[in-house]
């Protein structure tokens, strides 16, 4: 992630997992991104949600529903 950020590609990173063998690995991956000192809070929000929302072309209404939960 640091390399992508350094090269200005942080708007292209989306968090995702299809982890079935080691389910605890997803939580560890989330924690590592949440605790990454080289990412701003805005960059973390982009990785966890905003980049996917933009890629999927979610409507403002869908985004509002997602944030209401």
PDB file of N, CA and C in Angstrom:
ATOM      1  N   UNK A   1       0.832  -1.191   0.000  1.00  0.00           N
ATOM      2  CA  UNK A   1       0.000   0.000   0.000  1.00  0.00           C
ATOM      3  C   UNK A   1       0.872   1.248   0.000  1.00  0.00           C
ATOM      4  N   UNK A   2       1.975   1.191   0.737  1.00  0.00           N
ATOM      5  CA  UNK A   2       2.838   2.370   0.809  1.00  0.00           C
ATOM      6  C   UNK A   2       3.365   2.752  -0.573  1.00  0.00           C
ATOM      7  N   UNK A   3       3.770   1.759  -1.368  1.00  0.00           N
ATOM      8  CA  UNK A   3       4.287   2.052  -2.709  1.00  0.00           C
ATOM      9  C   UNK A   3       3.224   2.699  -3.578  1.00  0.00           C
ATOM     10  N   UNK A   4       2.009   2.177  -3.527  1.00  0.00           N
ATOM     11  CA  UNK A   4       0.925   2.764  -4.321  1.00  0.00           C
ATOM     12  C   UNK A   4       0.658   4.199  -3.878  1.00  0.00           C
ATOM     13  N   UNK A   5       0.667   4.419  -2.571  1.00  0.00           N
ATOM     14  CA  UNK A   5       0.453   5.776  -2.062  1.00  0.00           C
ATOM     15  C   UNK A   5       1.566   6.695  -2.534  1.00  0.00           C
ATOM     16  N   UNK A   6       2.814   6.228  -2.421  1.00  0.00           N
ATOM     17  CA  UNK A   6       3.958   7.043  -2.831  1.00  0.00           C
ATOM     18  C   UNK A   6       3.914   7.384  -4.313  1.00  0.00           C
ATOM     19  N   UNK A   7       3.302   6.520  -5.103  1.00  0.00           N
ATOM     20  CA  UNK A   7       3.206   6.758  -6.544  1.00  0.00           C
ATOM     21  C   UNK A   7       1.892   7.426  -6.939  1.00  0.00           C
ATOM     22  N   UNK A   8       1.113   7.859  -5.941  1.00  0.00           N
ATOM     23  CA  UNK A   8      -0.116   8.600  -6.209  1.00  0.00           C
ATOM     24  C   UNK A   8      -1.287   7.750  -6.657  1.00  0.00           C
ATOM     25  N   UNK A   9      -1.259   6.467  -6.340  1.00  0.00           N
ATOM     26  CA  UNK A   9      -2.341   5.581  -6.774  1.00  0.00           C
ATOM     27  C   UNK A   9      -3.272   5.178  -5.643  1.00  0.00           C
ATOM     28  N   UNK A  10      -3.281   5.912  -4.538  1.00  0.00           N
ATOM     29  CA  UNK A  10      -4.124   5.503  -3.414  1.00  0.00           C
ATOM     30  C   UNK A  10      -5.615   5.555  -3.735  1.00  0.00           C
ATOM     31  N   UNK A  11      -6.009   6.264  -4.771  1.00  0.00           N
ATOM     32  CA  UNK A  11      -7.423   6.309  -5.172  1.00  0.00           C
ATOM     33  C   UNK A  11      -7.833   5.055  -5.938  1.00  0.00           C
ATOM     34  N   UNK A  12      -6.883   4.140  -6.166  1.00  0.00           N
ATOM     35  CA  UNK A  12      -7.177   2.900  -6.894  1.00  0.00           C
ATOM     36  C   UNK A  12      -7.162   1.672  -5.994  1.00  0.00           C
ATOM     37  N   UNK A  13      -6.902   1.853  -4.715  1.00  0.00           N
ATOM     38  CA  UNK A  13      -6.796   0.721  -3.791  1.00  0.00           C
ATOM     39  C   UNK A  13      -8.141   0.486  -3.113  1.00  0.00           C
ATOM     40  N   UNK A  14      -8.593  -0.770  -3.139  1.00  0.00           N
ATOM     41  CA  UNK A  14      -9.824  -1.140  -2.449  1.00  0.00           C
ATOM     42  C   UNK A  14      -9.526  -2.316  -1.528  1.00  0.00           C
ATOM     43  N   UNK A  15     -10.029  -2.254  -0.318  1.00  0.00           N
ATOM     44  CA  UNK A  15      -9.870  -3.379   0.591  1.00  0.00           C
ATOM     45  C   UNK A  15     -10.879  -4.454   0.226  1.00  0.00           C
ATOM     46  N   UNK A  16     -10.422  -5.678   0.239  1.00  0.00           N
ATOM     47  CA  UNK A  16     -11.330  -6.787  -0.007  1.00  0.00           C
ATOM     48  C   UNK A  16     -10.698  -8.081   0.463  1.00  0.00           C
ATOM     49  N   UNK A  17     -11.524  -9.055   0.714  1.00  0.00           N
ATOM     50  CA  UNK A  17     -11.004 -10.342   1.137  1.00  0.00           C
ATOM     51  C   UNK A  17     -11.994 -11.435   0.795  1.00  0.00           C
ATOM     52  N   UNK A  18     -11.445 -12.544   0.348  1.00  0.00           N
ATOM     53  CA  UNK A  18     -12.250 -13.749   0.186  1.00  0.00           C
ATOM     54  C   UNK A  18     -11.623 -14.860   1.029  1.00  0.00           C
ATOM     55  N   UNK A  19     -11.033 -14.438   2.122  1.00  0.00           N
ATOM     56  CA  UNK A  19     -10.291 -15.323   3.006  1.00  0.00           C
ATOM     57  C   UNK A  19     -11.202 -16.377   3.644  1.00  0.00           C
ATOM     58  N   UNK A  20     -10.948 -17.634   3.370  1.00  0.00           N
ATOM     59  CA  UNK A  20     -11.723 -18.708   3.981  1.00  0.00           C
ATOM     60  C   UNK A  20     -10.843 -19.649   4.788  1.00  0.00           C
ATOM     61  N   UNK A  21      -9.594 -19.767   4.401  1.00  0.00           N
ATOM     62  CA  UNK A  21      -8.705 -20.703   5.077  1.00  0.00           C
ATOM     63  C   UNK A  21      -8.306 -20.172   6.452  1.00  0.00           C
ATOM     64  N   UNK A  22      -7.960 -18.894   6.523  1.00  0.00           N
ATOM     65  CA  UNK A  22      -7.590 -18.249   7.783  1.00  0.00           C
ATOM     66  C   UNK A  22      -8.499 -17.046   8.000  1.00  0.00           C
ATOM     67  N   UNK A  23      -9.715 -17.242   8.497  1.00  0.00           N
ATOM     68  CA  UNK A  23     -10.659 -16.128   8.640  1.00  0.00           C
ATOM     69  C   UNK A  23     -10.133 -14.996   9.517  1.00  0.00           C
ATOM     70  N   UNK A  24      -9.279 -15.297  10.473  1.00  0.00           N
ATOM     71  CA  UNK A  24      -8.731 -14.246  11.336  1.00  0.00           C
ATOM     72  C   UNK A  24      -7.806 -13.307  10.556  1.00  0.00           C
ATOM     73  N   UNK A  25      -7.340 -13.732   9.399  1.00  0.00           N
ATOM     74  CA  UNK A  25      -6.432 -12.904   8.607  1.00  0.00           C
ATOM     75  C   UNK A  25      -7.116 -11.617   8.130  1.00  0.00           C
ATOM     76  N   UNK A  26      -8.409 -11.658   7.902  1.00  0.00           N
ATOM     77  CA  UNK A  26      -9.114 -10.444   7.465  1.00  0.00           C
ATOM     78  C   UNK A  26      -9.046  -9.372   8.540  1.00  0.00           C
ATOM     79  N   UNK A  27      -9.293  -9.755   9.776  1.00  0.00           N
ATOM     80  CA  UNK A  27      -9.214  -8.797  10.880  1.00  0.00           C
ATOM     81  C   UNK A  27      -7.811  -8.235  11.032  1.00  0.00           C
ATOM     82  N   UNK A  28      -6.812  -9.080  10.858  1.00  0.00           N
ATOM     83  CA  UNK A  28      -5.424  -8.621  10.942  1.00  0.00           C
ATOM     84  C   UNK A  28      -5.106  -7.641   9.818  1.00  0.00           C
ATOM     85  N   UNK A  29      -5.624  -7.910   8.627  1.00  0.00           N
ATOM     86  CA  UNK A  29      -5.401  -7.007   7.495  1.00  0.00           C
ATOM     87  C   UNK A  29      -6.062  -5.655   7.747  1.00  0.00           C
ATOM     88  N   UNK A  30      -7.260  -5.671   8.282  1.00  0.00           N
ATOM     89  CA  UNK A  30      -7.964  -4.420   8.604  1.00  0.00           C
ATOM     90  C   UNK A  30      -7.181  -3.638   9.649  1.00  0.00           C
ATOM     91  N   UNK A  31      -6.772  -4.319  10.705  1.00  0.00           N
ATOM     92  CA  UNK A  31      -5.984  -3.654  11.757  1.00  0.00           C
ATOM     93  C   UNK A  31      -4.701  -3.042  11.210  1.00  0.00           C
ATOM     94  N   UNK A  32      -4.024  -3.777  10.343  1.00  0.00           N
ATOM     95  CA  UNK A  32      -2.753  -3.258   9.819  1.00  0.00           C
ATOM     96  C   UNK A  32      -2.974  -1.980   9.017  1.00  0.00           C
ATOM     97  N   UNK A  33      -4.070  -1.900   8.273  1.00  0.00           N
ATOM     98  CA  UNK A  33      -4.360  -0.663   7.541  1.00  0.00           C
ATOM     99  C   UNK A  33      -4.800   0.450   8.487  1.00  0.00           C
ATOM    100  N   UNK A  34      -5.634   0.107   9.469  1.00  0.00           N
ATOM    101  CA  UNK A  34      -6.085   1.124  10.425  1.00  0.00           C
ATOM    102  C   UNK A  34      -4.920   1.723  11.204  1.00  0.00           C
ATOM    103  N   UNK A  35      -3.897   0.926  11.465  1.00  0.00           N
ATOM    104  CA  UNK A  35      -2.757   1.383  12.264  1.00  0.00           C
ATOM    105  C   UNK A  35      -1.583   1.879  11.425  1.00  0.00           C
ATOM    106  N   UNK A  36      -1.711   1.876  10.110  1.00  0.00           N
ATOM    107  CA  UNK A  36      -0.608   2.286   9.237  1.00  0.00           C
ATOM    108  C   UNK A  36      -0.314   3.775   9.429  1.00  0.00           C
ATOM    109  N   UNK A  37       0.868   4.107   9.954  1.00  0.00           N
ATOM    110  CA  UNK A  37       1.182   5.507  10.213  1.00  0.00           C
ATOM    111  C   UNK A  37       1.396   6.335   8.950  1.00  0.00           C
ATOM    112  N   UNK A  38       1.611   5.675   7.830  1.00  0.00           N
ATOM    113  CA  UNK A  38       1.876   6.384   6.576  1.00  0.00           C
ATOM    114  C   UNK A  38       0.601   6.714   5.799  1.00  0.00           C
ATOM    115  N   UNK A  39      -0.579   6.308   6.331  1.00  0.00           N
ATOM    116  CA  UNK A  39      -1.851   6.631   5.688  1.00  0.00           C
ATOM    117  C   UNK A  39      -2.620   7.645   6.522  1.00  0.00           C
ATOM    118  N   UNK A  40      -3.178   8.630   5.846  1.00  0.00           N
ATOM    119  CA  UNK A  40      -4.032   9.597   6.538  1.00  0.00           C
ATOM    120  C   UNK A  40      -5.401   8.959   6.767  1.00  0.00           C
ATOM    121  N   UNK A  41      -6.200   9.570   7.628  1.00  0.00           N
ATOM    122  CA  UNK A  41      -7.552   9.069   7.864  1.00  0.00           C
ATOM    123  C   UNK A  41      -8.369   9.094   6.573  1.00  0.00           C
ATOM    124  N   UNK A  42      -8.165  10.116   5.776  1.00  0.00           N
ATOM    125  CA  UNK A  42      -8.867  10.228   4.498  1.00  0.00           C
ATOM    126  C   UNK A  42      -8.474   9.089   3.555  1.00  0.00           C
ATOM    127  N   UNK A  43      -7.204   8.768   3.503  1.00  0.00           N
ATOM    128  CA  UNK A  43      -6.739   7.668   2.650  1.00  0.00           C
ATOM    129  C   UNK A  43      -7.307   6.332   3.134  1.00  0.00           C
ATOM    130  N   UNK A  44      -7.392   6.149   4.432  1.00  0.00           N
ATOM    131  CA  UNK A  44      -7.970   4.919   4.976  1.00  0.00           C
ATOM    132  C   UNK A  44      -9.443   4.805   4.600  1.00  0.00           C
ATOM    133  N   UNK A  45     -10.200   5.908   4.707  1.00  0.00           N
ATOM    134  CA  UNK A  45     -11.617   5.888   4.314  1.00  0.00           C
ATOM    135  C   UNK A  45     -11.755   5.550   2.833  1.00  0.00           C
ATOM    136  N   UNK A  46     -10.835   6.083   2.020  1.00  0.00           N
ATOM    137  CA  UNK A  46     -10.864   5.772   0.588  1.00  0.00           C
ATOM    138  C   UNK A  46     -10.658   4.279   0.357  1.00  0.00           C
ATOM    139  N   UNK A  47      -9.657   3.693   1.006  1.00  0.00           N
ATOM    140  CA  UNK A  47      -9.343   2.280   0.821  1.00  0.00           C
ATOM    141  C   UNK A  47     -10.491   1.393   1.300  1.00  0.00           C
ATOM    142  N   UNK A  48     -11.073   1.720   2.434  1.00  0.00           N
ATOM    143  CA  UNK A  48     -12.125   0.882   3.004  1.00  0.00           C
ATOM    144  C   UNK A  48     -13.497   1.085   2.356  1.00  0.00           C
ATOM    145  N   UNK A  49     -13.764   2.247   1.747  1.00  0.00           N
ATOM    146  CA  UNK A  49     -15.108   2.467   1.217  1.00  0.00           C
ATOM    147  C   UNK A  49     -15.154   3.345  -0.042  1.00  0.00           C
ATOM    148  N   UNK A  50     -14.605   4.537   0.042  1.00  0.00           N
ATOM    149  CA  UNK A  50     -14.841   5.528  -1.008  1.00  0.00           C
ATOM    150  C   UNK A  50     -14.382   5.093  -2.394  1.00  0.00           C
ATOM    151  N   UNK A  51     -13.238   4.430  -2.495  1.00  0.00           N
ATOM    152  CA  UNK A  51     -12.757   4.002  -3.810  1.00  0.00           C
ATOM    153  C   UNK A  51     -13.696   2.966  -4.426  1.00  0.00           C
ATOM    154  N   UNK A  52     -14.186   2.035  -3.615  1.00  0.00           N
ATOM    155  CA  UNK A  52     -15.132   1.036  -4.126  1.00  0.00           C
ATOM    156  C   UNK A  52     -16.459   1.697  -4.514  1.00  0.00           C
ATOM    157  N   UNK A  53     -16.917   2.632  -3.704  1.00  0.00           N
ATOM    158  CA  UNK A  53     -18.176   3.324  -4.010  1.00  0.00           C
ATOM    159  C   UNK A  53     -18.069   4.055  -5.349  1.00  0.00           C
ATOM    160  N   UNK A  54     -16.941   4.691  -5.579  1.00  0.00           N
ATOM    161  CA  UNK A  54     -16.730   5.388  -6.855  1.00  0.00           C
ATOM    162  C   UNK A  54     -16.649   4.378  -8.002  1.00  0.00           C
ATOM    163  N   UNK A  55     -15.889   3.295  -7.817  1.00  0.00           N
ATOM    164  CA  UNK A  55     -15.735   2.269  -8.844  1.00  0.00           C
ATOM    165  C   UNK A  55     -17.079   1.640  -9.203  1.00  0.00           C
ATOM    166  N   UNK A  56     -17.897   1.377  -8.190  1.00  0.00           N
ATOM    167  CA  UNK A  56     -19.206   0.752  -8.398  1.00  0.00           C
ATOM    168  C   UNK A  56     -20.286   1.748  -8.798  1.00  0.00           C
ATOM    169  N   UNK A  57     -19.907   3.026  -8.824  1.00  0.00           N
ATOM    170  CA  UNK A  57     -20.833   4.106  -9.191  1.00  0.00           C
ATOM    171  C   UNK A  57     -22.083   4.105  -8.322  1.00  0.00           C
ATOM    172  N   UNK A  58     -21.853   3.979  -7.000  1.00  0.00           N
ATOM    173  CA  UNK A  58     -22.980   4.016  -6.075  1.00  0.00           C
ATOM    174  C   UNK A  58     -23.619   5.398  -6.090  1.00  0.00           C
ATOM    175  N   UNK A  59     -24.918   5.417  -5.965  1.00  0.00           N
ATOM    176  CA  UNK A  59     -25.637   6.697  -5.928  1.00  0.00           C
ATOM    177  C   UNK A  59     -25.437   7.354  -4.569  1.00  0.00           C
ATOM    178  N   UNK A  60     -25.713   8.636  -4.500  1.00  0.00           N
ATOM    179  CA  UNK A  60     -25.650   9.353  -3.226  1.00  0.00           C
ATOM    180  C   UNK A  60     -26.597   8.719  -2.207  1.00  0.00           C
ATOM    181  N   UNK A  61     -27.749   8.235  -2.692  1.00  0.00           N
ATOM    182  CA  UNK A  61     -28.718   7.615  -1.803  1.00  0.00           C
ATOM    183  C   UNK A  61     -28.157   6.314  -1.208  1.00  0.00           C
ATOM    184  N   UNK A  62     -27.494   5.506  -2.037  1.00  0.00           N
ATOM    185  CA  UNK A  62     -26.915   4.254  -1.541  1.00  0.00           C
ATOM    186  C   UNK A  62     -25.795   4.539  -0.542  1.00  0.00           C
ATOM    187  N   UNK A  63     -24.984   5.497  -0.835  1.00  0.00           N
ATOM    188  CA  UNK A  63     -23.895   5.863   0.083  1.00  0.00           C
ATOM    189  C   UNK A  63     -24.465   6.337   1.425  1.00  0.00           C
ATOM    190  N   UNK A  64     -25.521   7.146   1.367  1.00  0.00           N
ATOM    191  CA  UNK A  64     -26.159   7.610   2.600  1.00  0.00           C
ATOM    192  C   UNK A  64     -26.714   6.445   3.392  1.00  0.00           C
ATOM    193  N   UNK A  65     -27.329   5.471   2.712  1.00  0.00           N
ATOM    194  CA  UNK A  65     -27.850   4.285   3.414  1.00  0.00           C
ATOM    195  C   UNK A  65     -26.713   3.499   4.054  1.00  0.00           C
ATOM    196  N   UNK A  66     -25.613   3.343   3.332  1.00  0.00           N
ATOM    197  CA  UNK A  66     -24.472   2.607   3.877  1.00  0.00           C
ATOM    198  C   UNK A  66     -23.912   3.268   5.134  1.00  0.00           C
ATOM    199  N   UNK A  67     -23.905   4.589   5.135  1.00  0.00           N
ATOM    200  CA  UNK A  67     -23.348   5.314   6.277  1.00  0.00           C
ATOM    201  C   UNK A  67     -24.345   5.452   7.435  1.00  0.00           C
ATOM    202  N   UNK A  68     -25.612   5.151   7.182  1.00  0.00           N
ATOM    203  CA  UNK A  68     -26.626   5.255   8.228  1.00  0.00           C
ATOM    204  C   UNK A  68     -26.565   4.075   9.188  1.00  0.00           C
ATOM    205  N   UNK A  69     -25.997   2.975   8.749  1.00  0.00           N
ATOM    206  CA  UNK A  69     -25.944   1.760   9.594  1.00  0.00           C
ATOM    207  C   UNK A  69     -24.979   1.878  10.726  1.00  0.00           C
TER     208      UNK A  69
END
